[in-house]
Structures are given as structure tokens and as C-alpha cells.
Amino acid sequence: MILRAASMTMGIYAITPMKNMPAVIFSIIIGTAIGLIIHFGDIIRKGSIWMQQSMNKVMPSSQSKVGEEEFTSKFVTILVLFCASGTGIYG
């Protein structure tokens, strides 16, 4: 909870002096449109399934088998947390 508040505070502090806010909003809209057109979510899902299969070949584990949907969910969470979070972009 504290890290969320700190991340939001840093983001608000960085946005307030920004003079080119329309350009930022426009780029978010364009990026979202491009992602929807090329089905970027499906590409990430297929990549996570491929990664899971590759990891199972290299390190076979008979103890715990994680389903594709659970692995994809965790993979996307980690990807967003470390690659596209507010603190990742700010840092």
C-alpha cells in the first residue's frame, strides 16, 4: 500500500509541471489503438505459453504444474510491474 502511494505521488509530482500533457495523452491513445490493431495481448499470451513450455523442457518439475492461464496471468503481472509500472518508467 505504501509503495502504491509513493508511486502515485511520484507520478503526480512529475505530471504537474508538464507543459506537453496533450502530447502524452495523444501518445497513450495512439499506442492503445496500435496495440489493439496488432492484437498485442495475444502476442504476449503466446509468448508466455512459449516461455512456460521452454522452461518445462529445461527444468522439468513433477512436483508442481502451473496451468497456462495461471502462468500467463502471473507473467503479465510481472511484465507490467517491472517493465511498465510508474516507478519503472520514472526510474
PDB file of N, CA and C in Angstrom:
ATOM      1  N   MET A   1       0.820  -1.184   0.000  1.00  0.00           N
ATOM      2  CA  MET A   1       0.000   0.000   0.000  1.00  0.00           C
ATOM      3  C   MET A   1       0.872   1.260   0.000  1.00  0.00           C
ATOM      4  N   ILE A   2       1.951   1.208   0.763  1.00  0.00           N
ATOM      5  CA  ILE A   2       2.853   2.361   0.835  1.00  0.00           C
ATOM      6  C   ILE A   2       3.548   2.582  -0.505  1.00  0.00           C
ATOM      7  N   LEU A   3       3.970   1.488  -1.148  1.00  0.00           N
ATOM      8  CA  LEU A   3       4.625   1.625  -2.449  1.00  0.00           C
ATOM      9  C   LEU A   3       3.664   2.167  -3.503  1.00  0.00           C
ATOM     10  N   ARG A   4       2.400   1.777  -3.424  1.00  0.00           N
ATOM     11  CA  ARG A   4       1.416   2.327  -4.358  1.00  0.00           C
ATOM     12  C   ARG A   4       1.267   3.833  -4.174  1.00  0.00           C
ATOM     13  N   ALA A   5       1.162   4.229  -2.912  1.00  0.00           N
ATOM     14  CA  ALA A   5       1.015   5.661  -2.625  1.00  0.00           C
ATOM     15  C   ALA A   5       2.253   6.433  -3.071  1.00  0.00           C
ATOM     16  N   ALA A   6       3.439   5.858  -2.847  1.00  0.00           N
ATOM     17  CA  ALA A   6       4.678   6.525  -3.269  1.00  0.00           C
ATOM     18  C   ALA A   6       4.746   6.636  -4.790  1.00  0.00           C
ATOM     19  N   SER A   7       4.334   5.582  -5.489  1.00  0.00           N
ATOM     20  CA  SER A   7       4.340   5.604  -6.942  1.00  0.00           C
ATOM     21  C   SER A   7       3.365   6.640  -7.478  1.00  0.00           C
ATOM     22  N   MET A   8       2.179   6.708  -6.891  1.00  0.00           N
ATOM     23  CA  MET A   8       1.193   7.703  -7.319  1.00  0.00           C
ATOM     24  C   MET A   8       1.689   9.124  -7.038  1.00  0.00           C
ATOM     25  N   THR A   9       2.318   9.313  -5.894  1.00  0.00           N
ATOM     26  CA  THR A   9       2.839  10.633  -5.539  1.00  0.00           C
ATOM     27  C   THR A   9       3.926  11.065  -6.513  1.00  0.00           C
ATOM     28  N   MET A  10       4.840  10.149  -6.846  1.00  0.00           N
ATOM     29  CA  MET A  10       5.889  10.479  -7.810  1.00  0.00           C
ATOM     30  C   MET A  10       5.298  10.817  -9.172  1.00  0.00           C
ATOM     31  N   GLY A  11       4.274  10.059  -9.595  1.00  0.00           N
ATOM     32  CA  GLY A  11       3.644  10.320 -10.881  1.00  0.00           C
ATOM     33  C   GLY A  11       2.943  11.665 -10.912  1.00  0.00           C
ATOM     34  N   ILE A  12       2.208  11.982  -9.853  1.00  0.00           N
ATOM     35  CA  ILE A  12       1.517  13.271  -9.785  1.00  0.00           C
ATOM     36  C   ILE A  12       2.527  14.410  -9.750  1.00  0.00           C
ATOM     37  N   TYR A  13       3.586  14.234  -8.972  1.00  0.00           N
ATOM     38  CA  TYR A  13       4.616  15.261  -8.877  1.00  0.00           C
ATOM     39  C   TYR A  13       5.302  15.495 -10.230  1.00  0.00           C
ATOM     40  N   ALA A  14       5.476  14.422 -11.007  1.00  0.00           N
ATOM     41  CA  ALA A  14       6.130  14.545 -12.315  1.00  0.00           C
ATOM     42  C   ALA A  14       5.186  15.130 -13.362  1.00  0.00           C
ATOM     43  N   ILE A  15       3.886  14.919 -13.213  1.00  0.00           N
ATOM     44  CA  ILE A  15       2.927  15.397 -14.209  1.00  0.00           C
ATOM     45  C   ILE A  15       2.596  16.873 -14.029  1.00  0.00           C
ATOM     46  N   THR A  16       2.564  17.346 -12.800  1.00  0.00           N
ATOM     47  CA  THR A  16       2.101  18.721 -12.560  1.00  0.00           C
ATOM     48  C   THR A  16       2.882  19.786 -13.315  1.00  0.00           C
ATOM     49  N   PRO A  17       4.214  19.741 -13.404  1.00  0.00           N
ATOM     50  CA  PRO A  17       4.889  20.809 -14.157  1.00  0.00           C
ATOM     51  C   PRO A  17       4.915  20.573 -15.673  1.00  0.00           C
ATOM     52  N   MET A  18       4.323  19.457 -16.118  1.00  0.00           N
ATOM     53  CA  MET A  18       4.389  19.097 -17.526  1.00  0.00           C
ATOM     54  C   MET A  18       3.572  20.065 -18.380  1.00  0.00           C
ATOM     55  N   LYS A  19       4.186  20.583 -19.430  1.00  0.00           N
ATOM     56  CA  LYS A  19       3.528  21.530 -20.321  1.00  0.00           C
ATOM     57  C   LYS A  19       2.963  20.846 -21.564  1.00  0.00           C
ATOM     58  N   ASN A  20       3.442  19.662 -21.860  1.00  0.00           N
ATOM     59  CA  ASN A  20       3.036  18.954 -23.081  1.00  0.00           C
ATOM     60  C   ASN A  20       2.105  17.786 -22.778  1.00  0.00           C
ATOM     61  N   MET A  21       1.159  17.987 -21.871  1.00  0.00           N
ATOM     62  CA  MET A  21       0.258  16.918 -21.489  1.00  0.00           C
ATOM     63  C   MET A  21      -0.595  16.403 -22.653  1.00  0.00           C
ATOM     64  N   PRO A  22      -1.083  17.247 -23.563  1.00  0.00           N
ATOM     65  CA  PRO A  22      -1.849  16.700 -24.701  1.00  0.00           C
ATOM     66  C   PRO A  22      -1.042  15.708 -25.544  1.00  0.00           C
ATOM     67  N   ALA A  23       0.232  15.928 -25.688  1.00  0.00           N
ATOM     68  CA  ALA A  23       1.064  15.003 -26.455  1.00  0.00           C
ATOM     69  C   ALA A  23       1.162  13.650 -25.749  1.00  0.00           C
ATOM     70  N   VAL A  24       1.237  13.666 -24.430  1.00  0.00           N
ATOM     71  CA  VAL A  24       1.297  12.421 -23.665  1.00  0.00           C
ATOM     72  C   VAL A  24      -0.013  11.658 -23.799  1.00  0.00           C
ATOM     73  N   ILE A  25      -1.117  12.343 -23.649  1.00  0.00           N
ATOM     74  CA  ILE A  25      -2.428  11.700 -23.767  1.00  0.00           C
ATOM     75  C   ILE A  25      -2.622  11.161 -25.188  1.00  0.00           C
ATOM     76  N   PHE A  26      -2.232  11.944 -26.181  1.00  0.00           N
ATOM     77  CA  PHE A  26      -2.348  11.511 -27.570  1.00  0.00           C
ATOM     78  C   PHE A  26      -1.506  10.259 -27.829  1.00  0.00           C
ATOM     79  N   SER A  27      -0.307  10.213 -27.272  1.00  0.00           N
ATOM     80  CA  SER A  27       0.549   9.043 -27.473  1.00  0.00           C
ATOM     81  C   SER A  27      -0.024   7.809 -26.791  1.00  0.00           C
ATOM     82  N   ILE A  28      -0.678   7.973 -25.644  1.00  0.00           N
ATOM     83  CA  ILE A  28      -1.322   6.839 -24.976  1.00  0.00           C
ATOM     84  C   ILE A  28      -2.473   6.314 -25.831  1.00  0.00           C
ATOM     85  N   ILE A  29      -3.262   7.221 -26.402  1.00  0.00           N
ATOM     86  CA  ILE A  29      -4.381   6.809 -27.252  1.00  0.00           C
ATOM     87  C   ILE A  29      -3.872   6.096 -28.504  1.00  0.00           C
ATOM     88  N   ILE A  30      -2.853   6.651 -29.146  1.00  0.00           N
ATOM     89  CA  ILE A  30      -2.287   6.026 -30.352  1.00  0.00           C
ATOM     90  C   ILE A  30      -1.666   4.669 -30.017  1.00  0.00           C
ATOM     91  N   GLY A  31      -0.937   4.586 -28.917  1.00  0.00           N
ATOM     92  CA  GLY A  31      -0.330   3.314 -28.510  1.00  0.00           C
ATOM     93  C   GLY A  31      -1.365   2.251 -28.211  1.00  0.00           C
ATOM     94  N   THR A  32      -2.458   2.636 -27.561  1.00  0.00           N
ATOM     95  CA  THR A  32      -3.536   1.693 -27.292  1.00  0.00           C
ATOM     96  C   THR A  32      -4.173   1.215 -28.589  1.00  0.00           C
ATOM     97  N   ALA A  33      -4.404   2.136 -29.516  1.00  0.00           N
ATOM     98  CA  ALA A  33      -5.001   1.760 -30.803  1.00  0.00           C
ATOM     99  C   ALA A  33      -4.096   0.798 -31.570  1.00  0.00           C
ATOM    100  N   ILE A  34      -2.814   1.076 -31.599  1.00  0.00           N
ATOM    101  CA  ILE A  34      -1.877   0.190 -32.300  1.00  0.00           C
ATOM    102  C   ILE A  34      -1.843  -1.181 -31.635  1.00  0.00           C
ATOM    103  N   GLY A  35      -1.834  -1.209 -30.308  1.00  0.00           N
ATOM    104  CA  GLY A  35      -1.842  -2.480 -29.585  1.00  0.00           C
ATOM    105  C   GLY A  35      -3.082  -3.304 -29.873  1.00  0.00           C
ATOM    106  N   LEU A  36      -4.229  -2.641 -29.971  1.00  0.00           N
ATOM    107  CA  LEU A  36      -5.463  -3.357 -30.298  1.00  0.00           C
ATOM    108  C   LEU A  36      -5.470  -3.844 -31.737  1.00  0.00           C
ATOM    109  N   ILE A  37      -4.936  -3.047 -32.647  1.00  0.00           N
ATOM    110  CA  ILE A  37      -4.919  -3.433 -34.066  1.00  0.00           C
ATOM    111  C   ILE A  37      -4.029  -4.661 -34.292  1.00  0.00           C
ATOM    112  N   ILE A  38      -2.850  -4.682 -33.669  1.00  0.00           N
ATOM    113  CA  ILE A  38      -1.928  -5.808 -33.888  1.00  0.00           C
ATOM    114  C   ILE A  38      -2.151  -6.946 -32.896  1.00  0.00           C
ATOM    115  N   HIS A  39      -3.187  -6.826 -32.058  1.00  0.00           N
ATOM    116  CA  HIS A  39      -3.518  -7.867 -31.073  1.00  0.00           C
ATOM    117  C   HIS A  39      -2.314  -8.170 -30.171  1.00  0.00           C
ATOM    118  N   PHE A  40      -1.777  -7.124 -29.571  1.00  0.00           N
ATOM    119  CA  PHE A  40      -0.575  -7.251 -28.747  1.00  0.00           C
ATOM    120  C   PHE A  40      -0.805  -8.162 -27.537  1.00  0.00           C
ATOM    121  N   GLY A  41      -2.014  -8.163 -26.997  1.00  0.00           N
ATOM    122  CA  GLY A  41      -2.328  -9.047 -25.868  1.00  0.00           C
ATOM    123  C   GLY A  41      -2.191 -10.511 -26.234  1.00  0.00           C
ATOM    124  N   ASP A  42      -2.630 -10.865 -27.434  1.00  0.00           N
ATOM    125  CA  ASP A  42      -2.492 -12.252 -27.894  1.00  0.00           C
ATOM    126  C   ASP A  42      -1.026 -12.626 -28.093  1.00  0.00           C
ATOM    127  N   ILE A  43      -0.235 -11.675 -28.579  1.00  0.00           N
ATOM    128  CA  ILE A  43       1.194 -11.927 -28.773  1.00  0.00           C
ATOM    129  C   ILE A  43       1.865 -12.188 -27.427  1.00  0.00           C
ATOM    130  N   ILE A  44       1.511 -11.410 -26.409  1.00  0.00           N
ATOM    131  CA  ILE A  44       2.082 -11.605 -25.076  1.00  0.00           C
ATOM    132  C   ILE A  44       1.637 -12.952 -24.509  1.00  0.00           C
ATOM    133  N   ARG A  45       0.358 -13.314 -24.717  1.00  0.00           N
ATOM    134  CA  ARG A  45      -0.139 -14.598 -24.228  1.00  0.00           C
ATOM    135  C   ARG A  45       0.606 -15.751 -24.885  1.00  0.00           C
ATOM    136  N   LYS A  46       0.782 -15.698 -26.206  1.00  0.00           N
ATOM    137  CA  LYS A  46       1.510 -16.758 -26.916  1.00  0.00           C
ATOM    138  C   LYS A  46       2.962 -16.816 -26.463  1.00  0.00           C
ATOM    139  N   GLY A  47       3.557 -15.649 -26.235  1.00  0.00           N
ATOM    140  CA  GLY A  47       4.937 -15.608 -25.733  1.00  0.00           C
ATOM    141  C   GLY A  47       5.069 -16.218 -24.354  1.00  0.00           C
ATOM    142  N   SER A  48       4.091 -15.994 -23.491  1.00  0.00           N
ATOM    143  CA  SER A  48       4.161 -16.570 -22.154  1.00  0.00           C
ATOM    144  C   SER A  48       3.971 -18.081 -22.200  1.00  0.00           C
ATOM    145  N   ILE A  49       3.099 -18.566 -23.087  1.00  0.00           N
ATOM    146  CA  ILE A  49       2.923 -20.017 -23.243  1.00  0.00           C
ATOM    147  C   ILE A  49       4.208 -20.644 -23.776  1.00  0.00           C
ATOM    148  N   TRP A  50       4.825 -19.995 -24.756  1.00  0.00           N
ATOM    149  CA  TRP A  50       6.094 -20.497 -25.294  1.00  0.00           C
ATOM    150  C   TRP A  50       7.162 -20.513 -24.207  1.00  0.00           C
ATOM    151  N   MET A  51       7.209 -19.461 -23.384  1.00  0.00           N
ATOM    152  CA  MET A  51       8.200 -19.392 -22.308  1.00  0.00           C
ATOM    153  C   MET A  51       7.968 -20.502 -21.285  1.00  0.00           C
ATOM    154  N   GLN A  52       6.703 -20.758 -20.950  1.00  0.00           N
ATOM    155  CA  GLN A  52       6.398 -21.815 -19.995  1.00  0.00           C
ATOM    156  C   GLN A  52       6.812 -23.175 -20.543  1.00  0.00           C
ATOM    157  N   GLN A  53       6.526 -23.431 -21.813  1.00  0.00           N
ATOM    158  CA  GLN A  53       6.902 -24.710 -22.415  1.00  0.00           C
ATOM    159  C   GLN A  53       8.419 -24.860 -22.467  1.00  0.00           C
ATOM    160  N   SER A  54       9.128 -23.782 -22.783  1.00  0.00           N
ATOM    161  CA  SER A  54      10.591 -23.829 -22.824  1.00  0.00           C
ATOM    162  C   SER A  54      11.169 -24.094 -21.439  1.00  0.00           C
ATOM    163  N   MET A  55      10.597 -23.453 -20.433  1.00  0.00           N
ATOM    164  CA  MET A  55      11.092 -23.657 -19.070  1.00  0.00           C
ATOM    165  C   MET A  55      10.811 -25.071 -18.597  1.00  0.00           C
ATOM    166  N   ASN A  56       9.659 -25.637 -18.987  1.00  0.00           N
ATOM    167  CA  ASN A  56       9.350 -27.012 -18.604  1.00  0.00           C
ATOM    168  C   ASN A  56      10.289 -28.011 -19.266  1.00  0.00           C
ATOM    169  N   LYS A  57      10.782 -27.704 -20.481  1.00  0.00           N
ATOM    170  CA  LYS A  57      11.734 -28.592 -21.145  1.00  0.00           C
ATOM    171  C   LYS A  57      13.096 -28.536 -20.470  1.00  0.00           C
ATOM    172  N   VAL A  58      13.512 -27.331 -20.096  1.00  0.00           N
ATOM    173  CA  VAL A  58      14.834 -27.158 -19.488  1.00  0.00           C
ATOM    174  C   VAL A  58      14.844 -27.635 -18.042  1.00  0.00           C
ATOM    175  N   MET A  59      13.801 -27.290 -17.311  1.00  0.00           N
ATOM    176  CA  MET A  59      13.721 -27.654 -15.897  1.00  0.00           C
ATOM    177  C   MET A  59      12.417 -28.399 -15.634  1.00  0.00           C
ATOM    178  N   PRO A  60      12.351 -29.674 -15.986  1.00  0.00           N
ATOM    179  CA  PRO A  60      11.104 -30.405 -15.753  1.00  0.00           C
ATOM    180  C   PRO A  60      10.858 -30.569 -14.255  1.00  0.00           C
ATOM    181  N   SER A  61       9.646 -30.315 -13.855  1.00  0.00           N
ATOM    182  CA  SER A  61       9.286 -30.415 -12.450  1.00  0.00           C
ATOM    183  C   SER A  61       8.004 -31.222 -12.343  1.00  0.00           C
ATOM    184  N   SER A  62       8.090 -32.335 -11.644  1.00  0.00           N
ATOM    185  CA  SER A  62       6.905 -33.174 -11.485  1.00  0.00           C
ATOM    186  C   SER A  62       6.121 -32.774 -10.239  1.00  0.00           C
ATOM    187  N   GLN A  63       6.683 -31.903  -9.407  1.00  0.00           N
ATOM    188  CA  GLN A  63       6.027 -31.547  -8.153  1.00  0.00           C
ATOM    189  C   GLN A  63       4.877 -30.567  -8.362  1.00  0.00           C
ATOM    190  N   SER A  64       5.107 -29.500  -9.089  1.00  0.00           N
ATOM    191  CA  SER A  64       4.052 -28.503  -9.260  1.00  0.00           C
ATOM    192  C   SER A  64       3.908 -28.146 -10.736  1.00  0.00           C
ATOM    193  N   LYS A  65       2.732 -28.341 -11.216  1.00  0.00           N
ATOM    194  CA  LYS A  65       2.420 -27.963 -12.592  1.00  0.00           C
ATOM    195  C   LYS A  65       1.483 -26.758 -12.533  1.00  0.00           C
ATOM    196  N   VAL A  66       1.946 -25.658 -13.071  1.00  0.00           N
ATOM    197  CA  VAL A  66       1.141 -24.445 -13.119  1.00  0.00           C
ATOM    198  C   VAL A  66       0.417 -24.427 -14.451  1.00  0.00           C
ATOM    199  N   GLY A  67      -0.875 -24.167 -14.414  1.00  0.00           N
ATOM    200  CA  GLY A  67      -1.665 -24.122 -15.642  1.00  0.00           C
ATOM    201  C   GLY A  67      -1.265 -22.942 -16.514  1.00  0.00           C
ATOM    202  N   GLU A  68      -1.608 -23.052 -17.807  1.00  0.00           N
ATOM    203  CA  GLU A  68      -1.250 -21.992 -18.757  1.00  0.00           C
ATOM    204  C   GLU A  68      -1.881 -20.660 -18.380  1.00  0.00           C
ATOM    205  N   GLU A  69      -3.142 -20.692 -17.964  1.00  0.00           N
ATOM    206  CA  GLU A  69      -3.833 -19.447 -17.636  1.00  0.00           C
ATOM    207  C   GLU A  69      -3.221 -18.778 -16.407  1.00  0.00           C
ATOM    208  N   GLU A  70      -2.898 -19.565 -15.398  1.00  0.00           N
ATOM    209  CA  GLU A  70      -2.277 -19.011 -14.182  1.00  0.00           C
ATOM    210  C   GLU A  70      -0.887 -18.465 -14.492  1.00  0.00           C
ATOM    211  N   PHE A  71      -0.108 -19.205 -15.283  1.00  0.00           N
ATOM    212  CA  PHE A  71       1.229 -18.747 -15.653  1.00  0.00           C
ATOM    213  C   PHE A  71       1.152 -17.449 -16.452  1.00  0.00           C
ATOM    214  N   THR A  72       0.221 -17.388 -17.412  1.00  0.00           N
ATOM    215  CA  THR A  72       0.049 -16.187 -18.225  1.00  0.00           C
ATOM    216  C   THR A  72      -0.334 -15.005 -17.359  1.00  0.00           C
ATOM    217  N   SER A  73      -1.235 -15.231 -16.421  1.00  0.00           N
ATOM    218  CA  SER A  73      -1.657 -14.158 -15.520  1.00  0.00           C
ATOM    219  C   SER A  73      -0.484 -13.632 -14.700  1.00  0.00           C
ATOM    220  N   LYS A  74       0.305 -14.533 -14.152  1.00  0.00           N
ATOM    221  CA  LYS A  74       1.465 -14.111 -13.355  1.00  0.00           C
ATOM    222  C   LYS A  74       2.526 -13.451 -14.230  1.00  0.00           C
ATOM    223  N   PHE A  75       2.712 -13.965 -15.438  1.00  0.00           N
ATOM    224  CA  PHE A  75       3.702 -13.396 -16.355  1.00  0.00           C
ATOM    225  C   PHE A  75       3.339 -11.963 -16.724  1.00  0.00           C
ATOM    226  N   VAL A  76       2.071 -11.736 -17.053  1.00  0.00           N
ATOM    227  CA  VAL A  76       1.624 -10.385 -17.409  1.00  0.00           C
ATOM    228  C   VAL A  76       1.747  -9.450 -16.214  1.00  0.00           C
ATOM    229  N   THR A  77       1.421  -9.938 -15.023  1.00  0.00           N
ATOM    230  CA  THR A  77       1.569  -9.122 -13.813  1.00  0.00           C
ATOM    231  C   THR A  77       3.015  -8.711 -13.611  1.00  0.00           C
ATOM    232  N   ILE A  78       3.933  -9.647 -13.743  1.00  0.00           N
ATOM    233  CA  ILE A  78       5.361  -9.342 -13.571  1.00  0.00           C
ATOM    234  C   ILE A  78       5.842  -8.407 -14.676  1.00  0.00           C
ATOM    235  N   LEU A  79       5.396  -8.640 -15.897  1.00  0.00           N
ATOM    236  CA  LEU A  79       5.789  -7.785 -17.012  1.00  0.00           C
ATOM    237  C   LEU A  79       5.347  -6.346 -16.794  1.00  0.00           C
ATOM    238  N   VAL A  80       4.113  -6.165 -16.389  1.00  0.00           N
ATOM    239  CA  VAL A  80       3.602  -4.810 -16.148  1.00  0.00           C
ATOM    240  C   VAL A  80       4.276  -4.187 -14.941  1.00  0.00           C
ATOM    241  N   LEU A  81       4.468  -4.977 -13.890  1.00  0.00           N
ATOM    242  CA  LEU A  81       5.059  -4.448 -12.658  1.00  0.00           C
ATOM    243  C   LEU A  81       6.470  -3.930 -12.884  1.00  0.00           C
ATOM    244  N   PHE A  82       7.284  -4.684 -13.612  1.00  0.00           N
ATOM    245  CA  PHE A  82       8.684  -4.310 -13.752  1.00  0.00           C
ATOM    246  C   PHE A  82       9.009  -3.544 -15.041  1.00  0.00           C
ATOM    247  N   CYS A  83       8.190  -3.677 -16.066  1.00  0.00           N
ATOM    248  CA  CYS A  83       8.511  -3.023 -17.338  1.00  0.00           C
ATOM    249  C   CYS A  83       7.656  -1.804 -17.632  1.00  0.00           C
ATOM    250  N   ALA A  84       6.453  -1.745 -17.095  1.00  0.00           N
ATOM    251  CA  ALA A  84       5.562  -0.650 -17.464  1.00  0.00           C
ATOM    252  C   ALA A  84       4.930   0.038 -16.264  1.00  0.00           C
ATOM    253  N   SER A  85       5.450  -0.201 -15.077  1.00  0.00           N
ATOM    254  CA  SER A  85       4.863   0.457 -13.907  1.00  0.00           C
ATOM    255  C   SER A  85       5.324   1.898 -13.827  1.00  0.00           C
ATOM    256  N   GLY A  86       4.650   2.661 -13.010  1.00  0.00           N
ATOM    257  CA  GLY A  86       5.002   4.062 -12.841  1.00  0.00           C
ATOM    258  C   GLY A  86       6.412   4.237 -12.307  1.00  0.00           C
ATOM    259  N   THR A  87       6.800   3.421 -11.338  1.00  0.00           N
ATOM    260  CA  THR A  87       8.152   3.558 -10.792  1.00  0.00           C
ATOM    261  C   THR A  87       9.193   3.067 -11.785  1.00  0.00           C
ATOM    262  N   GLY A  88       8.843   2.078 -12.620  1.00  0.00           N
ATOM    263  CA  GLY A  88       9.798   1.621 -13.634  1.00  0.00           C
ATOM    264  C   GLY A  88      10.050   2.677 -14.681  1.00  0.00           C
ATOM    265  N   ILE A  89       8.993   3.324 -15.116  1.00  0.00           N
ATOM    266  CA  ILE A  89       9.142   4.393 -16.107  1.00  0.00           C
ATOM    267  C   ILE A  89       9.822   5.590 -15.479  1.00  0.00           C
ATOM    268  N   TYR A  90       9.432   5.933 -14.268  1.00  0.00           N
ATOM    269  CA  TYR A  90      10.013   7.100 -13.586  1.00  0.00           C
ATOM    270  C   TYR A  90      11.494   6.869 -13.309  1.00  0.00           C
ATOM    271  N   GLY A  91      11.846   5.634 -12.923  1.00  0.00           N
ATOM    272  CA  GLY A  91      13.246   5.317 -12.612  1.00  0.00           C
ATOM    273  C   GLY A  91      14.088   5.308 -13.858  1.00  0.00           C
TER     274      GLY A  91
END
